Each structure stands twice: as C-alpha cells, then as structure tokens.
Amino acid sequence: GILLKGQFDDQNLHVDASSRREDDAVVLKVLQTSIRLGSLPEAIADLDFFSTPLLVWFLDQHAMLVDGSWPARHLLCMCKKISPDDNERVVRLVQKLLDRMHASSLNEKDLSSCNSSLSCIQERFG
C-alpha cells in the first residue's frame, strides 16, 4: 500500500506519500487509465507523491506538463526527492520545467511553481 505520513506546521497539514516497489506499477496503471479525469494528478500533487517509476513515466509524457494537465506544483516535490546520482533524469526534469515556462498556457501560479522548482535544482545540484 501507499504510506502516508503527515505533520502539522503552523496549523497546516503536510502529507508525504511513498510506496512500496510493487505498488508503483498499480499507481502508474491507474494514472494511465484516468489521467484525462484530471483529479488523480491533482491528488498525487497534493500528497507530494514521489517514486522513481512515477518520475520515469512522467518524463516520457511530454505534453502533460506543457499543456497544463499535470500540476506544475508537483515538480517541486520531484526536484526535492530525485536522486542526486540521477543526472540524466535531472536534466530531463529541467527540460520539462523550461518547456512549461515557455508554454502559451502558463499562468502566474505555474510560473511561481516552476521558478521554485528550478531554484531547488540549482541549490541541490549547482
């Protein structure tokens, strides 16, 4: 199952979600079949869910971030949790961020999320 951990900070609940390796395939299958509904990507972003298989799958879905169907705020979670040894995926994630920042559908909130994500990458990887 998916492990949810929560903590309160200044009256806000912060939830962190992680999964066991065998559950990643289930999460990805559900994602692939329900992505058009829009609510599942929002829920994954709200939970700050991260796994390497989710990241790999996401990086192969070019249009999802650029067209705004994937929440830009979830990229910060990915940037915080991606392995420092995973240079290729870090570069691909930065490319996704830049693609989103140059999309015609970019709004102020997404721009802020993308800037925060790029700052996180810069701080972590130089």
Foldseek 3Di string as FASTA:
>chain_A
DKDWDWDDDPNDIQIEIEDDPVCVVVLVVVCVVCLVVLVSLVVCQSRLYDDVVVLVVVLVVQVCLQVVSHQLLSLLSVLQPPDLVPVVSLVSSLVSLVSNCPHPPDDPVSVVSSVNSVVSNVVVHD
